[in-house]
Amino acid sequence: MISVVICFKADVNSELILNIERTIGTDHEILVYSNYNNEGLCKVYNDLARKARYDYMVFVHEDVEFTSFNWGKILIQILADPSIGLAFLCGSVYKSNLPTSWVQTDSKYYRGNVTRYREVLKCNLPREYSTVNYFEIVVGDGCFVSGRREIFKEYPWNEILLKGFHCYDMDISLRVGAKYKLVVVDEIKMIHSSNGCFDKKWLSESRLFHSSISCGNIPRSINLSIKEMKELKYYSHISFLNVLYQLDQSFFEKIKYTILIIYYRPFNRIGWSWLFKLLRVF
């Protein structure tokens, strides 16, 4: 039996409740919270988790729609494996040590079956590498996080550090993933109508999180070669530099990461073009 936990921004979305009722395919309860007071997501999740009755728990966003039937039965079968800590519907096999989201890496390292804005993120499911119905990752997306009750008792949501609505999924991924496997479930499909909010508030919380003890063991990866790790390190620096430009961060920080990009690839014109652009502005 499954306890489904949902934090709504305000009023409850009855269509989502009906969608879960129609598709889950197993005994369940749905615990909801209307967050009129704008409480931090980790606190809300911990409060609702303490009220949950069942041995399997799912934390899901309010703006999703399940398109697979009997997904609860599939989930229970996977989570019954004691080596698995958390199951997601999308995530990545790589996480850099920069204050970036899991999506800010090369998309061929994504894993999942989530549709966003009618664009299917097939996430390069490498069937030839696995004979099971899930794929291992190192960090998952918070639109759907599931696990056994005992996992969330051992690793409660980090309401002490994370007071807002960002980085909670990376935090629990990295902490649980240090002891258990994290997986993306291949057979459960879902529509998610949001691409996330990567604004200055997100960057501030991301910097705070990435300076915490949870991030002491990143970068982290699954079955990647040294060459791939070097490529991803370079890609991550470019992605973060893009963030710095988009969010109008300081000149000196942009210079720092531009110089690092040139250092990693001195004969690539990308870093040099950014440097010349910065110097002209200065």
Protein backbone atom coordinates (compact mmCIF):
# COMPACT_ATOMS: atom_id res chain seq x y z
CA MET A 1 0.00 0.00 0.00
CA ILE A 2 1.21 3.48 -0.91
CA SER A 3 0.99 6.88 0.78
CA VAL A 4 1.00 9.66 -1.85
CA VAL A 5 2.11 13.07 -0.57
CA ILE A 6 1.33 16.30 -2.45
CA CYS A 7 2.07 19.91 -1.49
CA PHE A 8 -0.19 22.31 -3.38
CA LYS A 9 0.70 25.98 -3.75
CA ALA A 10 -2.84 26.86 -2.75
CA ASP A 11 -6.07 25.05 -3.64
CA VAL A 12 -6.07 21.30 -4.20
CA ASN A 13 -6.03 20.16 -7.83
CA SER A 14 -8.92 17.69 -7.90
CA GLU A 15 -7.99 16.51 -11.41
CA LEU A 16 -4.66 15.20 -10.11
CA ILE A 17 -6.39 13.40 -7.24
CA LEU A 18 -8.75 11.70 -9.71
CA ASN A 19 -5.86 10.85 -12.03
CA ILE A 20 -4.00 9.12 -9.19
CA GLU A 21 -7.15 7.27 -8.13
CA ARG A 22 -7.66 5.99 -11.69
CA THR A 23 -4.08 4.98 -12.43
CA ILE A 24 -2.29 3.84 -9.26
CA GLY A 25 -3.85 0.37 -9.27
CA THR A 26 -3.23 -0.48 -5.62
CA ASP A 27 -4.48 0.39 -2.14
CA HIS A 28 -3.36 3.88 -1.21
CA GLU A 29 -3.97 7.09 0.69
CA ILE A 30 -3.42 10.65 -0.56
CA LEU A 31 -2.12 13.25 1.88
CA VAL A 32 -2.37 16.85 0.68
CA TYR A 33 -1.32 20.22 2.03
CA SER A 34 -2.52 23.59 0.75
CA ASN A 35 0.53 25.77 1.24
CA TYR A 36 -1.10 29.18 1.67
CA ASN A 37 1.64 30.22 4.12
CA ASN A 38 4.45 29.41 1.68
CA GLU A 39 6.19 26.99 4.03
CA GLY A 40 9.36 25.29 2.84
CA LEU A 41 8.77 22.11 0.87
CA CYS A 42 11.04 19.97 3.05
CA LYS A 43 9.11 20.92 6.18
CA VAL A 44 5.77 20.18 4.52
CA TYR A 45 7.03 16.82 3.27
CA ASN A 46 8.36 15.83 6.69
CA ASP A 47 5.09 16.83 8.40
CA LEU A 48 3.00 14.80 5.95
CA ALA A 49 5.41 11.83 6.06
CA ARG A 50 4.85 11.56 9.81
CA LYS A 51 1.11 11.25 9.17
CA ALA A 52 1.46 8.62 6.45
CA ARG A 53 0.21 5.11 7.30
CA TYR A 54 1.70 2.90 4.61
CA ASP A 55 5.09 1.30 4.01
CA TYR A 56 5.70 2.84 0.57
CA MET A 57 5.69 6.59 0.00
CA VAL A 58 5.50 8.81 -3.08
CA PHE A 59 6.15 12.56 -3.06
CA VAL A 60 4.79 14.12 -6.23
CA HIS A 61 4.38 17.61 -7.67
CA GLU A 62 0.96 19.17 -8.11
CA ASP A 63 1.33 19.74 -11.88
CA VAL A 64 1.65 16.18 -13.15
CA GLU A 65 -0.51 13.59 -14.87
CA PHE A 66 0.14 9.85 -14.81
CA THR A 67 -0.30 8.18 -18.19
CA SER A 68 0.62 4.65 -17.04
CA PHE A 69 -1.88 2.38 -15.30
CA ASN A 70 -1.14 0.20 -12.27
CA TRP A 71 2.01 2.19 -11.63
CA GLY A 72 1.67 1.57 -7.91
CA LYS A 73 2.14 -2.17 -8.37
CA ILE A 74 5.20 -1.59 -10.55
CA LEU A 75 6.67 0.74 -7.96
CA ILE A 76 6.14 -1.62 -5.03
CA GLN A 77 7.85 -4.43 -6.94
CA ILE A 78 10.92 -2.28 -7.50
CA LEU A 79 11.09 -0.75 -4.01
CA ALA A 80 10.82 -4.19 -2.42
CA ASP A 81 14.49 -4.60 -3.35
CA PRO A 82 16.34 -3.58 -0.15
CA SER A 83 19.35 -2.35 -2.14
CA ILE A 84 17.22 0.39 -3.74
CA GLY A 85 16.76 3.53 -1.70
CA LEU A 86 14.74 5.85 -3.94
CA ALA A 87 12.91 5.54 -7.25
CA PHE A 88 12.33 8.50 -9.58
CA LEU A 89 10.83 9.02 -13.01
CA CYS A 90 13.74 11.07 -14.36
CA GLY A 91 17.28 11.96 -13.39
CA SER A 92 20.91 11.84 -14.47
CA VAL A 93 23.88 9.50 -14.25
CA TYR A 94 26.16 12.49 -13.56
CA LYS A 95 26.20 15.41 -11.13
CA SER A 96 28.93 18.02 -11.20
CA ASN A 97 30.28 19.88 -8.17
CA LEU A 98 29.03 23.21 -9.54
CA PRO A 99 25.81 24.82 -8.21
CA THR A 100 23.74 23.60 -11.14
CA SER A 101 20.56 21.58 -11.60
CA TRP A 102 20.73 17.95 -12.70
CA VAL A 103 19.38 18.97 -16.12
CA GLN A 104 22.33 21.27 -16.74
CA THR A 105 24.43 18.54 -18.26
CA ASP A 106 24.51 16.79 -21.63
CA SER A 107 21.04 15.31 -22.21
CA LYS A 108 22.43 11.97 -23.35
CA TYR A 109 23.15 11.30 -19.67
CA TYR A 110 19.50 11.80 -18.69
CA ARG A 111 17.36 8.82 -17.77
CA GLY A 112 13.57 8.88 -17.70
CA ASN A 113 10.20 8.77 -19.40
CA VAL A 114 8.65 12.14 -18.61
CA THR A 115 6.76 14.42 -21.00
CA ARG A 116 7.15 18.15 -20.47
CA TYR A 117 5.09 20.63 -22.45
CA ARG A 118 4.21 17.76 -24.81
CA GLU A 119 7.90 17.26 -25.53
CA VAL A 120 8.89 13.74 -24.60
CA LEU A 121 12.10 13.53 -22.60
CA LYS A 122 12.94 9.95 -23.49
CA CYS A 123 16.22 10.56 -21.74
CA ASN A 124 18.24 8.04 -23.72
CA LEU A 125 17.14 4.89 -21.95
CA PRO A 126 20.06 2.49 -22.59
CA ARG A 127 18.20 -0.82 -22.73
CA GLU A 128 21.29 -2.69 -23.89
CA TYR A 129 22.94 -1.99 -20.53
CA SER A 130 20.23 -3.42 -18.33
CA THR A 131 18.01 -6.46 -18.03
CA VAL A 132 15.81 -4.93 -15.34
CA ASN A 133 13.00 -2.39 -15.58
CA TYR A 134 14.93 0.45 -14.04
CA PHE A 135 18.14 2.41 -14.62
CA GLU A 136 20.58 3.60 -11.98
CA ILE A 137 21.21 7.31 -11.55
CA VAL A 138 23.07 9.55 -9.10
CA VAL A 139 20.52 12.37 -8.82
CA GLY A 140 16.77 12.42 -9.46
CA ASP A 141 14.10 15.02 -10.18
CA GLY A 142 11.70 16.04 -7.43
CA CYS A 143 8.58 15.84 -9.60
CA PHE A 144 8.31 12.21 -8.38
CA VAL A 145 10.30 10.77 -5.47
CA SER A 146 9.42 7.41 -3.93
CA GLY A 147 10.84 5.05 -1.36
CA ARG A 148 10.09 2.85 1.61
CA ARG A 149 8.96 4.49 4.83
CA GLU A 150 12.20 3.38 6.52
CA ILE A 151 14.27 5.37 4.01
CA PHE A 152 12.48 8.62 4.79
CA LYS A 153 12.89 7.94 8.51
CA GLU A 154 16.61 7.38 8.05
CA TYR A 155 16.94 10.32 5.64
CA PRO A 156 14.24 12.92 6.36
CA TRP A 157 13.89 15.86 4.02
CA ASN A 158 16.50 18.49 4.90
CA GLU A 159 14.30 21.23 6.37
CA ILE A 160 17.18 22.54 8.49
CA LEU A 161 19.24 23.61 5.48
CA LEU A 162 16.62 24.00 2.74
CA LYS A 163 13.89 26.48 3.68
CA GLY A 164 12.46 27.04 0.20
CA PHE A 165 11.54 25.00 -2.85
CA HIS A 166 14.87 24.22 -4.49
CA CYS A 167 17.58 21.54 -4.26
CA TYR A 168 15.58 19.24 -1.97
CA ASP A 169 15.69 16.49 -4.61
CA MET A 170 19.46 16.75 -5.13
CA ASP A 171 19.99 16.77 -1.37
CA ILE A 172 18.04 13.59 -0.69
CA SER A 173 19.52 11.95 -3.80
CA LEU A 174 23.10 12.50 -2.69
CA ARG A 175 22.48 11.49 0.92
CA VAL A 176 20.49 8.34 0.19
CA GLY A 177 22.68 7.50 -2.81
CA ALA A 178 25.74 7.25 -0.59
CA LYS A 179 24.27 4.04 0.86
CA TYR A 180 21.56 2.79 -1.52
CA LYS A 181 20.90 2.60 -5.24
CA LEU A 182 18.87 5.37 -6.87
CA VAL A 183 16.83 4.32 -9.89
CA VAL A 184 14.58 5.66 -12.64
CA VAL A 185 11.58 3.41 -13.28
CA ASP A 186 11.28 2.57 -16.96
CA GLU A 187 7.63 1.43 -17.01
CA ILE A 188 5.98 4.44 -15.34
CA LYS A 189 5.22 7.40 -17.60
CA MET A 190 4.05 10.84 -16.57
CA ILE A 191 3.36 14.31 -17.97
CA HIS A 192 4.94 17.17 -16.03
CA SER A 193 3.81 20.65 -17.05
CA SER A 194 6.79 22.53 -15.62
CA ASN A 195 10.44 22.86 -16.63
CA GLY A 196 11.44 24.26 -13.26
CA CYS A 197 12.25 27.80 -12.17
CA PHE A 198 15.93 28.72 -12.48
CA ASP A 199 15.92 32.28 -11.20
CA LYS A 200 18.13 34.22 -8.79
CA LYS A 201 16.35 32.69 -5.80
CA TRP A 202 17.14 29.24 -7.16
CA LEU A 203 20.79 30.17 -7.69
CA SER A 204 21.09 31.50 -4.14
CA GLU A 205 19.65 28.29 -2.67
CA SER A 206 21.76 26.20 -5.01
CA ARG A 207 24.95 27.93 -3.85
CA LEU A 208 23.96 27.32 -0.24
CA PHE A 209 23.23 23.67 -0.88
CA HIS A 210 26.40 23.02 -2.87
CA SER A 211 28.49 24.43 -0.02
CA SER A 212 26.89 21.98 2.45
CA ILE A 213 28.15 18.66 3.75
CA SER A 214 25.69 16.83 1.47
CA CYS A 215 27.86 17.81 -1.48
CA GLY A 216 31.12 16.52 -0.03
CA ASN A 217 31.25 13.60 -2.46
CA ILE A 218 30.50 15.18 -5.83
CA PRO A 219 31.05 15.04 -8.72
CA ARG A 220 29.33 11.67 -8.81
CA SER A 221 28.58 9.36 -11.73
CA ILE A 222 27.41 5.90 -12.78
CA ASN A 223 29.52 3.82 -15.18
CA LEU A 224 31.23 6.72 -16.94
CA SER A 225 34.72 6.63 -18.41
CA ILE A 226 37.47 9.10 -17.50
CA LYS A 227 37.03 10.68 -20.93
CA GLU A 228 33.30 11.14 -20.37
CA MET A 229 33.92 12.66 -16.94
CA LYS A 230 36.31 15.20 -18.47
CA GLU A 231 33.77 16.05 -21.17
CA LEU A 232 31.04 16.50 -18.58
CA LYS A 233 33.24 18.66 -16.38
CA TYR A 234 33.83 20.97 -19.33
CA TYR A 235 30.14 20.93 -20.27
CA SER A 236 29.15 21.75 -16.68
CA HIS A 237 31.39 24.79 -16.60
CA ILE A 238 29.87 26.06 -19.84
CA SER A 239 26.35 25.45 -18.49
CA PHE A 240 27.14 27.31 -15.28
CA LEU A 241 28.68 30.23 -17.17
CA ASN A 242 25.44 30.46 -19.15
CA VAL A 243 23.56 30.64 -15.84
CA LEU A 244 25.81 33.47 -14.66
CA TYR A 245 25.04 35.43 -17.82
CA GLN A 246 21.31 34.73 -17.77
CA LEU A 247 20.99 35.79 -14.12
CA ASP A 248 23.28 38.81 -14.50
CA GLN A 249 25.90 37.74 -11.97
CA SER A 250 29.14 39.55 -11.20
CA PHE A 251 31.79 40.33 -13.79
CA PHE A 252 34.50 38.71 -11.68
CA GLU A 253 32.63 35.42 -11.33
CA LYS A 254 32.04 35.32 -15.09
CA ILE A 255 35.76 35.96 -15.65
CA LYS A 256 36.67 33.16 -13.24
CA TYR A 257 34.63 30.52 -15.07
CA THR A 258 35.61 31.82 -18.49
CA ILE A 259 39.28 31.39 -17.59
CA LEU A 260 38.59 27.87 -16.31
CA ILE A 261 36.89 26.98 -19.60
CA ILE A 262 39.91 28.30 -21.52
CA TYR A 263 42.22 26.35 -19.20
CA TYR A 264 40.35 23.09 -19.87
CA ARG A 265 40.16 23.67 -23.65
CA PRO A 266 42.70 26.34 -24.67
CA PHE A 267 42.22 25.68 -28.38
CA ASN A 268 38.43 25.87 -28.30
CA ARG A 269 37.12 29.26 -29.41
CA ILE A 270 34.09 29.17 -27.07
CA GLY A 271 36.04 30.30 -24.01
CA TRP A 272 38.02 32.91 -25.92
CA SER A 273 34.88 34.42 -27.46
CA TRP A 274 33.36 34.81 -23.98
CA LEU A 275 36.56 36.38 -22.69
CA PHE A 276 36.66 38.95 -25.49
CA LYS A 277 32.99 39.74 -24.91
CA LEU A 278 33.62 40.29 -21.19
CA LEU A 279 36.66 42.50 -21.79
CA ARG A 280 34.74 44.69 -24.23
CA VAL A 281 31.98 45.20 -21.67
CA PHE A 282 34.52 45.98 -18.97
